[in-house]
Amino acid sequence: MLLVLGDSDIVRPEHAVEMFKLLGGGVPGDLTGLPRCRLAILPGTTHTSIPQRAEWLAPMVDEFLDA
């Protein structure tokens, strides 16, 4: 799962981090390998302005789907 939100989103960053951890994220990837889930918090972004960040988001989605 790829969780994407803005730093000024309806969902607070700390809640996104908790969801990320519940999905297996937040581990030391150098020691255990990268988790299958990913978390992206886009700076200067609200819930409704995420589509305006497509130039940032598209490469992240591509990399996630390739993994």
N, C-alpha and C. Protein backbone atom coordinates (compact mmCIF):
# COMPACT_ATOMS: atom_id res chain seq x y z
N MET A 1 0.84 -1.16 0.00
CA MET A 1 0.00 0.00 0.00
C MET A 1 0.89 1.23 0.00
N LEU A 2 0.52 2.21 -0.78
CA LEU A 2 1.19 3.51 -0.80
C LEU A 2 0.25 4.53 -0.19
N LEU A 3 0.62 5.05 0.97
CA LEU A 3 -0.16 6.09 1.63
C LEU A 3 0.37 7.44 1.19
N VAL A 4 -0.51 8.29 0.68
CA VAL A 4 -0.12 9.62 0.21
C VAL A 4 -1.02 10.65 0.87
N LEU A 5 -0.40 11.66 1.45
CA LEU A 5 -1.16 12.76 2.01
C LEU A 5 -0.32 14.02 1.97
N GLY A 6 -0.96 15.13 2.20
CA GLY A 6 -0.26 16.40 2.27
C GLY A 6 0.09 16.74 3.70
N ASP A 7 1.08 17.57 3.88
CA ASP A 7 1.46 17.96 5.24
C ASP A 7 0.42 18.86 5.89
N SER A 8 -0.52 19.38 5.09
CA SER A 8 -1.64 20.17 5.62
C SER A 8 -2.96 19.52 5.23
N ASP A 9 -2.98 18.21 5.26
CA ASP A 9 -4.12 17.40 4.85
C ASP A 9 -5.14 17.29 5.98
N ILE A 10 -6.32 16.74 5.65
CA ILE A 10 -7.33 16.44 6.66
C ILE A 10 -6.78 15.38 7.62
N VAL A 11 -6.10 14.38 7.06
CA VAL A 11 -5.45 13.34 7.87
C VAL A 11 -4.16 13.92 8.42
N ARG A 12 -4.01 13.88 9.72
CA ARG A 12 -2.81 14.43 10.34
C ARG A 12 -1.62 13.50 10.10
N PRO A 13 -0.43 14.06 9.91
CA PRO A 13 0.75 13.23 9.64
C PRO A 13 0.98 12.13 10.67
N GLU A 14 0.74 12.42 11.94
CA GLU A 14 0.95 11.40 12.97
C GLU A 14 0.01 10.21 12.80
N HIS A 15 -1.19 10.46 12.29
CA HIS A 15 -2.11 9.36 12.02
C HIS A 15 -1.64 8.54 10.82
N ALA A 16 -1.11 9.21 9.81
CA ALA A 16 -0.57 8.50 8.65
C ALA A 16 0.61 7.63 9.05
N VAL A 17 1.47 8.16 9.93
CA VAL A 17 2.61 7.38 10.41
C VAL A 17 2.13 6.15 11.16
N GLU A 18 1.11 6.29 11.98
CA GLU A 18 0.56 5.13 12.70
C GLU A 18 0.01 4.09 11.73
N MET A 19 -0.72 4.52 10.70
CA MET A 19 -1.21 3.58 9.69
C MET A 19 -0.04 2.88 9.00
N PHE A 20 0.99 3.65 8.67
CA PHE A 20 2.19 3.12 8.03
C PHE A 20 2.83 2.04 8.90
N LYS A 21 2.94 2.29 10.19
CA LYS A 21 3.51 1.31 11.10
C LYS A 21 2.64 0.06 11.19
N LEU A 22 1.33 0.24 11.23
CA LEU A 22 0.42 -0.91 11.30
C LEU A 22 0.52 -1.78 10.05
N LEU A 23 0.93 -1.19 8.94
CA LEU A 23 1.09 -1.93 7.68
C LEU A 23 2.49 -2.52 7.54
N GLY A 24 3.32 -2.37 8.56
CA GLY A 24 4.66 -2.96 8.52
C GLY A 24 5.77 -1.98 8.24
N GLY A 25 5.45 -0.70 8.11
CA GLY A 25 6.46 0.32 7.85
C GLY A 25 7.11 0.80 9.13
N GLY A 26 8.06 1.69 8.97
CA GLY A 26 8.74 2.26 10.12
C GLY A 26 9.80 1.35 10.70
N VAL A 27 10.33 0.45 9.89
CA VAL A 27 11.39 -0.46 10.33
C VAL A 27 12.72 0.02 9.78
N PRO A 28 13.84 -0.40 10.38
CA PRO A 28 15.15 -0.03 9.84
C PRO A 28 15.43 -0.80 8.55
N GLY A 29 15.10 -0.22 7.43
CA GLY A 29 15.18 -0.89 6.14
C GLY A 29 16.55 -1.40 5.76
N ASP A 30 17.61 -0.75 6.24
CA ASP A 30 18.96 -1.22 5.95
C ASP A 30 19.23 -2.56 6.61
N LEU A 31 18.54 -2.82 7.71
CA LEU A 31 18.76 -4.07 8.45
C LEU A 31 17.75 -5.15 8.09
N THR A 32 16.51 -4.75 7.85
CA THR A 32 15.45 -5.73 7.64
C THR A 32 14.93 -5.77 6.21
N GLY A 33 15.38 -4.86 5.37
CA GLY A 33 14.83 -4.72 4.03
C GLY A 33 13.68 -3.73 4.05
N LEU A 34 13.42 -3.14 2.92
CA LEU A 34 12.35 -2.15 2.85
C LEU A 34 10.99 -2.83 2.98
N PRO A 35 10.07 -2.21 3.71
CA PRO A 35 8.72 -2.78 3.81
C PRO A 35 7.98 -2.64 2.48
N ARG A 36 6.96 -3.43 2.29
CA ARG A 36 6.17 -3.37 1.06
C ARG A 36 5.32 -2.10 1.01
N CYS A 37 4.98 -1.55 2.16
CA CYS A 37 4.17 -0.33 2.18
C CYS A 37 5.09 0.88 2.11
N ARG A 38 4.53 1.99 1.66
CA ARG A 38 5.28 3.25 1.54
C ARG A 38 4.42 4.38 2.09
N LEU A 39 5.09 5.42 2.53
CA LEU A 39 4.42 6.61 3.04
C LEU A 39 5.01 7.82 2.35
N ALA A 40 4.16 8.65 1.76
CA ALA A 40 4.59 9.90 1.13
C ALA A 40 3.78 11.05 1.73
N ILE A 41 4.49 11.98 2.36
CA ILE A 41 3.85 13.19 2.88
C ILE A 41 4.37 14.35 2.03
N LEU A 42 3.49 14.91 1.23
CA LEU A 42 3.87 15.95 0.28
C LEU A 42 3.87 17.32 0.96
N PRO A 43 4.97 18.05 0.87
CA PRO A 43 5.06 19.36 1.53
C PRO A 43 4.18 20.41 0.86
N GLY A 44 3.68 21.30 1.68
CA GLY A 44 2.86 22.41 1.17
C GLY A 44 1.64 21.93 0.42
N THR A 45 1.00 20.86 0.91
CA THR A 45 -0.09 20.23 0.18
C THR A 45 -1.27 19.97 1.10
N THR A 46 -2.47 20.27 0.60
CA THR A 46 -3.70 19.97 1.32
C THR A 46 -4.36 18.74 0.69
N HIS A 47 -5.48 18.32 1.28
CA HIS A 47 -6.19 17.15 0.75
C HIS A 47 -6.65 17.39 -0.69
N THR A 48 -7.10 18.60 -0.96
CA THR A 48 -7.63 18.88 -2.30
C THR A 48 -6.57 19.30 -3.31
N SER A 49 -5.37 19.62 -2.85
CA SER A 49 -4.34 20.04 -3.80
C SER A 49 -3.37 18.91 -4.19
N ILE A 50 -3.61 17.69 -3.70
CA ILE A 50 -2.75 16.56 -4.07
C ILE A 50 -2.66 16.38 -5.59
N PRO A 51 -3.76 16.48 -6.35
CA PRO A 51 -3.63 16.34 -7.81
C PRO A 51 -2.69 17.37 -8.45
N GLN A 52 -2.52 18.51 -7.83
CA GLN A 52 -1.61 19.53 -8.35
C GLN A 52 -0.15 19.15 -8.11
N ARG A 53 0.09 18.10 -7.38
CA ARG A 53 1.45 17.61 -7.11
C ARG A 53 1.79 16.39 -7.96
N ALA A 54 1.13 16.26 -9.09
CA ALA A 54 1.33 15.09 -9.96
C ALA A 54 2.78 14.92 -10.38
N GLU A 55 3.50 16.04 -10.57
CA GLU A 55 4.90 15.94 -11.00
C GLU A 55 5.77 15.29 -9.92
N TRP A 56 5.37 15.41 -8.66
CA TRP A 56 6.08 14.73 -7.56
C TRP A 56 5.57 13.31 -7.39
N LEU A 57 4.26 13.18 -7.49
CA LEU A 57 3.61 11.91 -7.16
C LEU A 57 3.80 10.83 -8.22
N ALA A 58 3.77 11.19 -9.48
CA ALA A 58 3.87 10.19 -10.56
C ALA A 58 5.13 9.33 -10.46
N PRO A 59 6.32 9.90 -10.25
CA PRO A 59 7.50 9.04 -10.11
C PRO A 59 7.44 8.13 -8.88
N MET A 60 6.83 8.61 -7.81
CA MET A 60 6.70 7.78 -6.61
C MET A 60 5.79 6.59 -6.87
N VAL A 61 4.69 6.84 -7.57
CA VAL A 61 3.76 5.76 -7.91
C VAL A 61 4.42 4.76 -8.84
N ASP A 62 5.12 5.26 -9.84
CA ASP A 62 5.84 4.37 -10.79
C ASP A 62 6.83 3.47 -10.04
N GLU A 63 7.63 4.07 -9.16
CA GLU A 63 8.62 3.29 -8.42
C GLU A 63 7.95 2.26 -7.51
N PHE A 64 6.85 2.67 -6.86
CA PHE A 64 6.12 1.75 -5.99
C PHE A 64 5.58 0.57 -6.76
N LEU A 65 4.98 0.84 -7.92
CA LEU A 65 4.40 -0.24 -8.73
C LEU A 65 5.47 -1.14 -9.32
N ASP A 66 6.64 -0.59 -9.62
CA ASP A 66 7.74 -1.40 -10.14
C ASP A 66 8.33 -2.33 -9.08
N ALA A 67 8.22 -1.92 -7.83
CA ALA A 67 8.79 -2.74 -6.73
C ALA A 67 7.91 -3.89 -6.48
